[in-house]
Structures are given as structure tokens and as C-alpha cells.
């Protein structure tokens, strides 16, 4: 949001979100703001007792899923891959199911 305090915007967005989906690319790791957002999401996950499925990271080539979050506090999270259209369809189906599950809760 133009003109908004970025930290306040991230916190408000996390409060309003049921899931956080970082798409891990080479550019993602080069972005200070993306890394700040990932750190906030990690903190928010634990401070607000969100479910284990609050952060759903996905890697896109050339980033490899097994190495995407290594050497970070999130290294134990399973990372998905978005390498081809089957991966993308699976990801979209998962989001559709997750949305239905959240509505029932």
C-alpha cells in the first residue's frame, strides 16, 4: 500500500490471514522486505498459536525445495514445489480445500 507503514501493513495482513504462502524464488531471498515478512509470519505463527499449516512455503526453480529454507528458523517446514502445471493444479486444489475447511470452522 503506497504511503502506509510497511511493518504495520504486514502485521495487519497477517492478522487477517488464515494462511501465509511464501513463493520462494531467487528474487524472494534477495528482497529484504520478503525476508522481513517471512520473519514476521514465523513469529506470528508461534505468538498466536496458529496451526502448523499457517505457513505454506513453495519453491520455484531454480530454488530446490529441500534447500529453500535450510539454515533458517523455518528449516523444519515442508516446502512444496511449483515446477510444472501438475504442481500448480495440486497447489490450487489444496487452497480450494483449505478455503472450504476454514469456512466450516
PDB file of N, CA and C in Angstrom:
ATOM      1  N   UNK A   1       0.834  -1.177   0.000  1.00  0.00           N
ATOM      2  CA  UNK A   1       0.000   0.000   0.000  1.00  0.00           C
ATOM      3  C   UNK A   1       0.883   1.246   0.000  1.00  0.00           C
ATOM      4  N   UNK A   2       0.726   2.058  -0.946  1.00  0.00           N
ATOM      5  CA  UNK A   2       1.508   3.284  -1.047  1.00  0.00           C
ATOM      6  C   UNK A   2       1.167   4.199   0.124  1.00  0.00           C
ATOM      7  N   UNK A   3       2.211   4.710   0.778  1.00  0.00           N
ATOM      8  CA  UNK A   3       2.029   5.648   1.880  1.00  0.00           C
ATOM      9  C   UNK A   3       1.776   5.004   3.233  1.00  0.00           C
ATOM     10  N   UNK A   4       1.626   3.709   3.285  1.00  0.00           N
ATOM     11  CA  UNK A   4       1.378   3.014   4.547  1.00  0.00           C
ATOM     12  C   UNK A   4       2.707   2.571   5.160  1.00  0.00           C
ATOM     13  N   UNK A   5       2.737   2.502   6.490  1.00  0.00           N
ATOM     14  CA  UNK A   5       3.890   1.942   7.190  1.00  0.00           C
ATOM     15  C   UNK A   5       3.940   0.452   6.855  1.00  0.00           C
ATOM     16  N   UNK A   6       5.033   0.012   6.267  1.00  0.00           N
ATOM     17  CA  UNK A   6       5.128  -1.357   5.769  1.00  0.00           C
ATOM     18  C   UNK A   6       5.011  -2.384   6.894  1.00  0.00           C
ATOM     19  N   UNK A   7       5.630  -2.130   8.029  1.00  0.00           N
ATOM     20  CA  UNK A   7       5.568  -3.072   9.151  1.00  0.00           C
ATOM     21  C   UNK A   7       4.131  -3.192   9.650  1.00  0.00           C
ATOM     22  N   UNK A   8       3.443  -2.066   9.806  1.00  0.00           N
ATOM     23  CA  UNK A   8       2.037  -2.111  10.231  1.00  0.00           C
ATOM     24  C   UNK A   8       1.189  -2.875   9.226  1.00  0.00           C
ATOM     25  N   UNK A   9       1.470  -2.651   7.931  1.00  0.00           N
ATOM     26  CA  UNK A   9       0.719  -3.329   6.882  1.00  0.00           C
ATOM     27  C   UNK A   9       0.938  -4.844   6.947  1.00  0.00           C
ATOM     28  N   UNK A  10       2.179  -5.279   7.160  1.00  0.00           N
ATOM     29  CA  UNK A  10       2.474  -6.714   7.270  1.00  0.00           C
ATOM     30  C   UNK A  10       1.734  -7.312   8.460  1.00  0.00           C
ATOM     31  N   UNK A  11       1.809  -6.658   9.603  1.00  0.00           N
ATOM     32  CA  UNK A  11       1.160  -7.186  10.811  1.00  0.00           C
ATOM     33  C   UNK A  11      -0.349  -7.272  10.621  1.00  0.00           C
ATOM     34  N   UNK A  12      -0.955  -6.234  10.073  1.00  0.00           N
ATOM     35  CA  UNK A  12      -2.400  -6.242   9.825  1.00  0.00           C
ATOM     36  C   UNK A  12      -2.765  -7.358   8.847  1.00  0.00           C
ATOM     37  N   UNK A  13      -1.981  -7.513   7.808  1.00  0.00           N
ATOM     38  CA  UNK A  13      -2.251  -8.557   6.818  1.00  0.00           C
ATOM     39  C   UNK A  13      -2.149  -9.945   7.437  1.00  0.00           C
ATOM     40  N   UNK A  14      -1.159 -10.168   8.295  1.00  0.00           N
ATOM     41  CA  UNK A  14      -1.018 -11.469   8.962  1.00  0.00           C
ATOM     42  C   UNK A  14      -2.189 -11.735   9.896  1.00  0.00           C
ATOM     43  N   UNK A  15      -2.653 -10.709  10.589  1.00  0.00           N
ATOM     44  CA  UNK A  15      -3.799 -10.867  11.499  1.00  0.00           C
ATOM     45  C   UNK A  15      -5.053 -11.271  10.734  1.00  0.00           C
ATOM     46  N   UNK A  16      -5.194 -10.792   9.514  1.00  0.00           N
ATOM     47  CA  UNK A  16      -6.393 -11.046   8.702  1.00  0.00           C
ATOM     48  C   UNK A  16      -6.279 -12.312   7.863  1.00  0.00           C
ATOM     49  N   UNK A  17      -5.149 -12.996   7.937  1.00  0.00           N
ATOM     50  CA  UNK A  17      -4.904 -14.148   7.057  1.00  0.00           C
ATOM     51  C   UNK A  17      -5.050 -15.461   7.794  1.00  0.00           C
ATOM     52  N   UNK A  18      -5.612 -16.432   7.095  1.00  0.00           N
ATOM     53  CA  UNK A  18      -5.685 -17.788   7.636  1.00  0.00           C
ATOM     54  C   UNK A  18      -4.445 -18.593   7.283  1.00  0.00           C
ATOM     55  N   UNK A  19      -3.791 -18.230   6.182  1.00  0.00           N
ATOM     56  CA  UNK A  19      -2.553 -18.890   5.780  1.00  0.00           C
ATOM     57  C   UNK A  19      -1.603 -17.860   5.180  1.00  0.00           C
ATOM     58  N   UNK A  20      -0.327 -18.185   5.214  1.00  0.00           N
ATOM     59  CA  UNK A  20       0.721 -17.354   4.625  1.00  0.00           C
ATOM     60  C   UNK A  20       1.477 -18.239   3.645  1.00  0.00           C
ATOM     61  N   UNK A  21       1.533 -17.826   2.380  1.00  0.00           N
ATOM     62  CA  UNK A  21       2.127 -18.648   1.338  1.00  0.00           C
ATOM     63  C   UNK A  21       3.296 -17.908   0.691  1.00  0.00           C
ATOM     64  N   UNK A  22       4.508 -18.105   1.210  1.00  0.00           N
ATOM     65  CA  UNK A  22       5.660 -17.501   0.533  1.00  0.00           C
ATOM     66  C   UNK A  22       6.042 -18.340  -0.689  1.00  0.00           C
ATOM     67  N   UNK A  23       6.216 -17.669  -1.815  1.00  0.00           N
ATOM     68  CA  UNK A  23       6.682 -18.326  -3.036  1.00  0.00           C
ATOM     69  C   UNK A  23       8.182 -18.044  -3.116  1.00  0.00           C
ATOM     70  N   UNK A  24       8.969 -19.054  -2.818  1.00  0.00           N
ATOM     71  CA  UNK A  24      10.407 -18.911  -2.630  1.00  0.00           C
ATOM     72  C   UNK A  24      11.152 -18.980  -3.961  1.00  0.00           C
ATOM     73  N   UNK A  25      11.580 -17.837  -4.422  1.00  0.00           N
ATOM     74  CA  UNK A  25      12.341 -17.716  -5.661  1.00  0.00           C
ATOM     75  C   UNK A  25      13.700 -17.110  -5.320  1.00  0.00           C
ATOM     76  N   UNK A  26      14.571 -17.041  -6.293  1.00  0.00           N
ATOM     77  CA  UNK A  26      15.856 -16.377  -6.056  1.00  0.00           C
ATOM     78  C   UNK A  26      15.625 -14.916  -5.662  1.00  0.00           C
ATOM     79  N   UNK A  27      14.696 -14.246  -6.319  1.00  0.00           N
ATOM     80  CA  UNK A  27      14.403 -12.850  -6.004  1.00  0.00           C
ATOM     81  C   UNK A  27      13.810 -12.693  -4.609  1.00  0.00           C
ATOM     82  N   UNK A  28      13.039 -13.691  -4.166  1.00  0.00           N
ATOM     83  CA  UNK A  28      12.441 -13.642  -2.831  1.00  0.00           C
ATOM     84  C   UNK A  28      13.542 -13.491  -1.776  1.00  0.00           C
ATOM     85  N   UNK A  29      14.573 -14.309  -1.899  1.00  0.00           N
ATOM     86  CA  UNK A  29      15.649 -14.291  -0.905  1.00  0.00           C
ATOM     87  C   UNK A  29      16.510 -13.041  -1.008  1.00  0.00           C
ATOM     88  N   UNK A  30      16.501 -12.380  -2.156  1.00  0.00           N
ATOM     89  CA  UNK A  30      17.244 -11.127  -2.314  1.00  0.00           C
ATOM     90  C   UNK A  30      16.487  -9.918  -1.774  1.00  0.00           C
ATOM     91  N   UNK A  31      15.189 -10.085  -1.529  1.00  0.00           N
ATOM     92  CA  UNK A  31      14.353  -8.977  -1.073  1.00  0.00           C
ATOM     93  C   UNK A  31      14.360  -8.861   0.450  1.00  0.00           C
ATOM     94  N   UNK A  32      14.825  -7.737   0.956  1.00  0.00           N
ATOM     95  CA  UNK A  32      14.813  -7.514   2.411  1.00  0.00           C
ATOM     96  C   UNK A  32      13.388  -7.559   2.941  1.00  0.00           C
ATOM     97  N   UNK A  33      12.447  -6.981   2.194  1.00  0.00           N
ATOM     98  CA  UNK A  33      11.063  -6.942   2.659  1.00  0.00           C
ATOM     99  C   UNK A  33      10.435  -8.337   2.707  1.00  0.00           C
ATOM    100  N   UNK A  34      10.747  -9.176   1.742  1.00  0.00           N
ATOM    101  CA  UNK A  34      10.233 -10.546   1.777  1.00  0.00           C
ATOM    102  C   UNK A  34      10.777 -11.292   2.993  1.00  0.00           C
ATOM    103  N   UNK A  35      12.050 -11.103   3.279  1.00  0.00           N
ATOM    104  CA  UNK A  35      12.645 -11.779   4.425  1.00  0.00           C
ATOM    105  C   UNK A  35      12.065 -11.251   5.738  1.00  0.00           C
ATOM    106  N   UNK A  36      11.788  -9.950   5.807  1.00  0.00           N
ATOM    107  CA  UNK A  36      11.143  -9.371   6.989  1.00  0.00           C
ATOM    108  C   UNK A  36       9.747  -9.971   7.149  1.00  0.00           C
ATOM    109  N   UNK A  37       9.011 -10.039   6.059  1.00  0.00           N
ATOM    110  CA  UNK A  37       7.657 -10.594   6.089  1.00  0.00           C
ATOM    111  C   UNK A  37       7.685 -12.052   6.547  1.00  0.00           C
ATOM    112  N   UNK A  38       8.633 -12.827   6.051  1.00  0.00           N
ATOM    113  CA  UNK A  38       8.756 -14.228   6.450  1.00  0.00           C
ATOM    114  C   UNK A  38       9.064 -14.326   7.938  1.00  0.00           C
ATOM    115  N   UNK A  39       9.921 -13.450   8.434  1.00  0.00           N
ATOM    116  CA  UNK A  39      10.228 -13.430   9.865  1.00  0.00           C
ATOM    117  C   UNK A  39       9.019 -13.084  10.708  1.00  0.00           C
ATOM    118  N   UNK A  40       8.262 -12.101  10.275  1.00  0.00           N
ATOM    119  CA  UNK A  40       7.033 -11.741  10.991  1.00  0.00           C
ATOM    120  C   UNK A  40       6.046 -12.906  10.993  1.00  0.00           C
ATOM    121  N   UNK A  41       5.896 -13.571   9.851  1.00  0.00           N
ATOM    122  CA  UNK A  41       4.971 -14.697   9.765  1.00  0.00           C
ATOM    123  C   UNK A  41       5.396 -15.814  10.716  1.00  0.00           C
ATOM    124  N   UNK A  42       6.680 -16.072  10.770  1.00  0.00           N
ATOM    125  CA  UNK A  42       7.204 -17.101  11.680  1.00  0.00           C
ATOM    126  C   UNK A  42       6.896 -16.735  13.130  1.00  0.00           C
ATOM    127  N   UNK A  43       7.149 -15.489  13.500  1.00  0.00           N
ATOM    128  CA  UNK A  43       6.861 -15.027  14.860  1.00  0.00           C
ATOM    129  C   UNK A  43       5.370 -15.090  15.149  1.00  0.00           C
ATOM    130  N   UNK A  44       4.582 -14.644  14.188  1.00  0.00           N
ATOM    131  CA  UNK A  44       3.130 -14.621  14.360  1.00  0.00           C
ATOM    132  C   UNK A  44       2.584 -16.029  14.555  1.00  0.00           C
ATOM    133  N   UNK A  45       3.136 -16.988  13.833  1.00  0.00           N
ATOM    134  CA  UNK A  45       2.721 -18.382  13.941  1.00  0.00           C
ATOM    135  C   UNK A  45       2.796 -18.857  15.390  1.00  0.00           C
ATOM    136  N   UNK A  46       3.902 -18.568  16.040  1.00  0.00           N
ATOM    137  CA  UNK A  46       4.098 -19.050  17.396  1.00  0.00           C
ATOM    138  C   UNK A  46       3.453 -18.164  18.453  1.00  0.00           C
ATOM    139  N   UNK A  47       3.448 -16.880  18.268  1.00  0.00           N
ATOM    140  CA  UNK A  47       2.866 -15.985  19.264  1.00  0.00           C
ATOM    141  C   UNK A  47       1.356 -16.082  19.321  1.00  0.00           C
ATOM    142  N   UNK A  48       0.726 -16.463  18.240  1.00  0.00           N
ATOM    143  CA  UNK A  48      -0.728 -16.502  18.187  1.00  0.00           C
ATOM    144  C   UNK A  48      -1.278 -17.912  18.001  1.00  0.00           C
ATOM    145  N   UNK A  49      -0.448 -18.903  18.280  1.00  0.00           N
ATOM    146  CA  UNK A  49      -0.864 -20.302  18.252  1.00  0.00           C
ATOM    147  C   UNK A  49      -1.612 -20.684  16.982  1.00  0.00           C
ATOM    148  N   UNK A  50      -1.085 -20.259  15.860  1.00  0.00           N
ATOM    149  CA  UNK A  50      -1.682 -20.652  14.579  1.00  0.00           C
ATOM    150  C   UNK A  50      -1.383 -22.133  14.346  1.00  0.00           C
ATOM    151  N   UNK A  51      -2.147 -22.763  13.476  1.00  0.00           N
ATOM    152  CA  UNK A  51      -1.925 -24.181  13.192  1.00  0.00           C
ATOM    153  C   UNK A  51      -0.617 -24.364  12.432  1.00  0.00           C
ATOM    154  N   UNK A  52      -0.182 -25.608  12.378  1.00  0.00           N
ATOM    155  CA  UNK A  52       1.048 -25.930  11.653  1.00  0.00           C
ATOM    156  C   UNK A  52       0.933 -25.599  10.172  1.00  0.00           C
ATOM    157  N   UNK A  53      -0.285 -25.497   9.679  1.00  0.00           N
ATOM    158  CA  UNK A  53      -0.489 -25.220   8.266  1.00  0.00           C
ATOM    159  C   UNK A  53      -0.712 -23.733   8.005  1.00  0.00           C
ATOM    160  N   UNK A  54      -0.194 -22.881   8.862  1.00  0.00           N
ATOM    161  CA  UNK A  54      -0.333 -21.435   8.664  1.00  0.00           C
ATOM    162  C   UNK A  54       0.663 -20.939   7.613  1.00  0.00           C
ATOM    163  N   UNK A  55       1.877 -21.455   7.639  1.00  0.00           N
ATOM    164  CA  UNK A  55       2.890 -21.072   6.655  1.00  0.00           C
ATOM    165  C   UNK A  55       3.062 -22.235   5.681  1.00  0.00           C
ATOM    166  N   UNK A  56       2.753 -21.970   4.411  1.00  0.00           N
ATOM    167  CA  UNK A  56       2.845 -22.993   3.374  1.00  0.00           C
ATOM    168  C   UNK A  56       3.826 -22.530   2.304  1.00  0.00           C
ATOM    169  N   UNK A  57       5.123 -22.794   2.496  1.00  0.00           N
ATOM    170  CA  UNK A  57       6.120 -22.320   1.538  1.00  0.00           C
ATOM    171  C   UNK A  57       6.193 -23.197   0.291  1.00  0.00           C
ATOM    172  N   UNK A  58       6.387 -22.544  -0.848  1.00  0.00           N
ATOM    173  CA  UNK A  58       6.573 -23.236  -2.118  1.00  0.00           C
ATOM    174  C   UNK A  58       7.797 -22.668  -2.817  1.00  0.00           C
ATOM    175  N   UNK A  59       8.595 -23.547  -3.377  1.00  0.00           N
ATOM    176  CA  UNK A  59       9.799 -23.147  -4.119  1.00  0.00           C
ATOM    177  C   UNK A  59       9.511 -23.193  -5.609  1.00  0.00           C
ATOM    178  N   UNK A  60      10.097 -22.242  -6.329  1.00  0.00           N
ATOM    179  CA  UNK A  60      10.030 -22.283  -7.786  1.00  0.00           C
ATOM    180  C   UNK A  60      11.465 -22.324  -8.314  1.00  0.00           C
ATOM    181  N   UNK A  61      11.689 -23.075  -9.387  1.00  0.00           N
ATOM    182  CA  UNK A  61      13.046 -23.224  -9.913  1.00  0.00           C
ATOM    183  C   UNK A  61      13.697 -21.881 -10.211  1.00  0.00           C
ATOM    184  N   UNK A  62      14.970 -21.802  -9.992  1.00  0.00           N
ATOM    185  CA  UNK A  62      15.917 -22.869  -9.696  1.00  0.00           C
ATOM    186  C   UNK A  62      16.044 -23.208  -8.208  1.00  0.00           C
ATOM    187  N   UNK A  63      15.260 -22.577  -7.343  1.00  0.00           N
ATOM    188  CA  UNK A  63      15.312 -22.898  -5.909  1.00  0.00           C
ATOM    189  C   UNK A  63      14.775 -24.318  -5.723  1.00  0.00           C
ATOM    190  N   UNK A  64      15.505 -25.124  -4.981  1.00  0.00           N
ATOM    191  CA  UNK A  64      15.111 -26.511  -4.705  1.00  0.00           C
ATOM    192  C   UNK A  64      14.409 -26.577  -3.359  1.00  0.00           C
ATOM    193  N   UNK A  65      13.324 -27.335  -3.294  1.00  0.00           N
ATOM    194  CA  UNK A  65      12.532 -27.362  -2.069  1.00  0.00           C
ATOM    195  C   UNK A  65      13.323 -27.854  -0.858  1.00  0.00           C
ATOM    196  N   UNK A  66      14.221 -28.797  -1.051  1.00  0.00           N
ATOM    197  CA  UNK A  66      14.972 -29.339   0.086  1.00  0.00           C
ATOM    198  C   UNK A  66      15.970 -28.338   0.651  1.00  0.00           C
ATOM    199  N   UNK A  67      16.353 -27.349  -0.136  1.00  0.00           N
ATOM    200  CA  UNK A  67      17.335 -26.361   0.320  1.00  0.00           C
ATOM    201  C   UNK A  67      16.734 -24.979   0.562  1.00  0.00           C
ATOM    202  N   UNK A  68      15.460 -24.800   0.227  1.00  0.00           N
ATOM    203  CA  UNK A  68      14.854 -23.466   0.234  1.00  0.00           C
ATOM    204  C   UNK A  68      14.932 -22.763   1.584  1.00  0.00           C
ATOM    205  N   UNK A  69      14.658 -23.476   2.655  1.00  0.00           N
ATOM    206  CA  UNK A  69      14.650 -22.842   3.984  1.00  0.00           C
ATOM    207  C   UNK A  69      15.756 -23.363   4.896  1.00  0.00           C
ATOM    208  N   UNK A  70      16.702 -24.090   4.309  1.00  0.00           N
ATOM    209  CA  UNK A  70      17.807 -24.588   5.131  1.00  0.00           C
ATOM    210  C   UNK A  70      18.565 -23.403   5.718  1.00  0.00           C
ATOM    211  N   UNK A  71      19.096 -23.594   6.863  1.00  0.00           N
ATOM    212  CA  UNK A  71      19.838 -22.547   7.580  1.00  0.00           C
ATOM    213  C   UNK A  71      18.941 -21.369   7.960  1.00  0.00           C
ATOM    214  N   UNK A  72      17.675 -21.651   8.218  1.00  0.00           N
ATOM    215  CA  UNK A  72      16.751 -20.614   8.686  1.00  0.00           C
ATOM    216  C   UNK A  72      15.925 -21.204   9.829  1.00  0.00           C
ATOM    217  N   UNK A  73      15.263 -20.356  10.605  1.00  0.00           N
ATOM    218  CA  UNK A  73      14.405 -20.887  11.675  1.00  0.00           C
ATOM    219  C   UNK A  73      13.266 -21.766  11.148  1.00  0.00           C
ATOM    220  N   UNK A  74      12.967 -21.660   9.868  1.00  0.00           N
ATOM    221  CA  UNK A  74      11.880 -22.438   9.279  1.00  0.00           C
ATOM    222  C   UNK A  74      12.367 -23.702   8.576  1.00  0.00           C
ATOM    223  N   UNK A  75      13.588 -24.109   8.833  1.00  0.00           N
ATOM    224  CA  UNK A  75      14.171 -25.231   8.098  1.00  0.00           C
ATOM    225  C   UNK A  75      13.411 -26.539   8.272  1.00  0.00           C
ATOM    226  N   UNK A  76      12.599 -26.678   9.312  1.00  0.00           N
ATOM    227  CA  UNK A  76      11.859 -27.912   9.531  1.00  0.00           C
ATOM    228  C   UNK A  76      10.501 -27.940   8.824  1.00  0.00           C
ATOM    229  N   UNK A  77      10.114 -26.822   8.204  1.00  0.00           N
ATOM    230  CA  UNK A  77       8.852 -26.804   7.468  1.00  0.00           C
ATOM    231  C   UNK A  77       8.996 -27.549   6.144  1.00  0.00           C
ATOM    232  N   UNK A  78       7.993 -28.325   5.807  1.00  0.00           N
ATOM    233  CA  UNK A  78       7.966 -28.975   4.499  1.00  0.00           C
ATOM    234  C   UNK A  78       7.733 -27.896   3.450  1.00  0.00           C
ATOM    235  N   UNK A  79       8.483 -27.931   2.393  1.00  0.00           N
ATOM    236  CA  UNK A  79       8.353 -26.966   1.304  1.00  0.00           C
ATOM    237  C   UNK A  79       7.840 -27.706   0.079  1.00  0.00           C
ATOM    238  N   UNK A  80       6.835 -27.140  -0.574  1.00  0.00           N
ATOM    239  CA  UNK A  80       6.339 -27.710  -1.817  1.00  0.00           C
ATOM    240  C   UNK A  80       7.099 -27.125  -2.994  1.00  0.00           C
ATOM    241  N   UNK A  81       6.832 -27.664  -4.167  1.00  0.00           N
ATOM    242  CA  UNK A  81       7.465 -27.148  -5.380  1.00  0.00           C
ATOM    243  C   UNK A  81       6.389 -26.789  -6.391  1.00  0.00           C
ATOM    244  N   UNK A  82       6.652 -25.748  -7.149  1.00  0.00           N
ATOM    245  CA  UNK A  82       5.796 -25.356  -8.260  1.00  0.00           C
ATOM    246  C   UNK A  82       6.658 -25.381  -9.516  1.00  0.00           C
ATOM    247  N   UNK A  83       6.845 -26.587 -10.047  1.00  0.00           N
ATOM    248  CA  UNK A  83       7.741 -26.772 -11.199  1.00  0.00           C
ATOM    249  C   UNK A  83       6.998 -26.936 -12.514  1.00  0.00           C
ATOM    250  N   UNK A  84       5.790 -27.428 -12.447  1.00  0.00           N
ATOM    251  CA  UNK A  84       5.046 -27.658 -13.682  1.00  0.00           C
ATOM    252  C   UNK A  84       3.555 -27.481 -13.421  1.00  0.00           C
ATOM    253  N   UNK A  85       2.745 -27.662 -14.455  1.00  0.00           N
ATOM    254  CA  UNK A  85       1.318 -27.383 -14.300  1.00  0.00           C
ATOM    255  C   UNK A  85       0.643 -28.353 -13.333  1.00  0.00           C
ATOM    256  N   UNK A  86       1.142 -29.575 -13.197  1.00  0.00           N
ATOM    257  CA  UNK A  86       0.564 -30.505 -12.219  1.00  0.00           C
ATOM    258  C   UNK A  86       0.774 -29.999 -10.797  1.00  0.00           C
ATOM    259  N   UNK A  87       1.962 -29.461 -10.526  1.00  0.00           N
ATOM    260  CA  UNK A  87       2.231 -28.888  -9.208  1.00  0.00           C
ATOM    261  C   UNK A  87       1.302 -27.706  -8.939  1.00  0.00           C
ATOM    262  N   UNK A  88       1.123 -26.853  -9.936  1.00  0.00           N
ATOM    263  CA  UNK A  88       0.266 -25.672  -9.776  1.00  0.00           C
ATOM    264  C   UNK A  88      -1.182 -26.101  -9.551  1.00  0.00           C
ATOM    265  N   UNK A  89      -1.664 -27.082 -10.313  1.00  0.00           N
ATOM    266  CA  UNK A  89      -3.034 -27.574 -10.118  1.00  0.00           C
ATOM    267  C   UNK A  89      -3.203 -28.176  -8.724  1.00  0.00           C
ATOM    268  N   UNK A  90      -2.230 -28.947  -8.285  1.00  0.00           N
ATOM    269  CA  UNK A  90      -2.289 -29.522  -6.939  1.00  0.00           C
ATOM    270  C   UNK A  90      -2.329 -28.438  -5.872  1.00  0.00           C
ATOM    271  N   UNK A  91      -1.534 -27.416  -6.047  1.00  0.00           N
ATOM    272  CA  UNK A  91      -1.490 -26.280  -5.121  1.00  0.00           C
ATOM    273  C   UNK A  91      -2.842 -25.577  -5.086  1.00  0.00           C
ATOM    274  N   UNK A  92      -3.424 -25.299  -6.239  1.00  0.00           N
ATOM    275  CA  UNK A  92      -4.729 -24.624  -6.297  1.00  0.00           C
ATOM    276  C   UNK A  92      -5.832 -25.482  -5.686  1.00  0.00           C
ATOM    277  N   UNK A  93      -5.784 -26.790  -5.921  1.00  0.00           N
ATOM    278  CA  UNK A  93      -6.766 -27.687  -5.297  1.00  0.00           C
ATOM    279  C   UNK A  93      -6.624 -27.684  -3.786  1.00  0.00           C
ATOM    280  N   UNK A  94      -5.394 -27.685  -3.305  1.00  0.00           N
ATOM    281  CA  UNK A  94      -5.167 -27.632  -1.863  1.00  0.00           C
ATOM    282  C   UNK A  94      -5.766 -26.353  -1.278  1.00  0.00           C
ATOM    283  N   UNK A  95      -5.537 -25.224  -1.950  1.00  0.00           N
ATOM    284  CA  UNK A  95      -6.087 -23.950  -1.462  1.00  0.00           C
ATOM    285  C   UNK A  95      -7.608 -23.972  -1.455  1.00  0.00           C
ATOM    286  N   UNK A  96      -8.205 -24.566  -2.466  1.00  0.00           N
ATOM    287  CA  UNK A  96      -9.662 -24.669  -2.527  1.00  0.00           C
ATOM    288  C   UNK A  96     -10.181 -25.491  -1.343  1.00  0.00           C
ATOM    289  N   UNK A  97      -9.536 -26.622  -1.070  1.00  0.00           N
ATOM    290  CA  UNK A  97      -9.930 -27.466   0.065  1.00  0.00           C
ATOM    291  C   UNK A  97      -9.725 -26.735   1.389  1.00  0.00           C
ATOM    292  N   UNK A  98      -8.611 -26.026   1.511  1.00  0.00           N
ATOM    293  CA  UNK A  98      -8.299 -25.280   2.733  1.00  0.00           C
ATOM    294  C   UNK A  98      -9.359 -24.199   2.961  1.00  0.00           C
ATOM    295  N   UNK A  99      -9.771 -23.512   1.901  1.00  0.00           N
ATOM    296  CA  UNK A  99     -10.776 -22.461   1.999  1.00  0.00           C
ATOM    297  C   UNK A  99     -12.102 -23.060   2.501  1.00  0.00           C
ATOM    298  N   UNK A 100     -12.480 -24.205   1.987  1.00  0.00           N
ATOM    299  CA  UNK A 100     -13.708 -24.858   2.441  1.00  0.00           C
ATOM    300  C   UNK A 100     -13.605 -25.285   3.905  1.00  0.00           C
ATOM    301  N   UNK A 101     -12.442 -25.768   4.296  1.00  0.00           N
ATOM    302  CA  UNK A 101     -12.214 -26.183   5.679  1.00  0.00           C
ATOM    303  C   UNK A 101     -12.321 -24.980   6.620  1.00  0.00           C
ATOM    304  N   UNK A 102     -11.746 -23.845   6.236  1.00  0.00           N
ATOM    305  CA  UNK A 102     -11.789 -22.639   7.066  1.00  0.00           C
ATOM    306  C   UNK A 102     -13.218 -22.142   7.208  1.00  0.00           C
ATOM    307  N   UNK A 103     -13.995 -22.212   6.155  1.00  0.00           N
ATOM    308  CA  UNK A 103     -15.390 -21.772   6.213  1.00  0.00           C
ATOM    309  C   UNK A 103     -16.197 -22.608   7.195  1.00  0.00           C
ATOM    310  N   UNK A 104     -15.889 -23.923   7.276  1.00  0.00           N
ATOM    311  CA  UNK A 104     -16.628 -24.797   8.194  1.00  0.00           C
ATOM    312  C   UNK A 104     -16.285 -24.524   9.644  1.00  0.00           C
ATOM    313  N   UNK A 105     -15.096 -23.981   9.897  1.00  0.00           N
ATOM    314  CA  UNK A 105     -14.642 -23.751  11.287  1.00  0.00           C
ATOM    315  C   UNK A 105     -15.268 -22.552  11.862  1.00  0.00           C
TER     316      UNK A 105
END
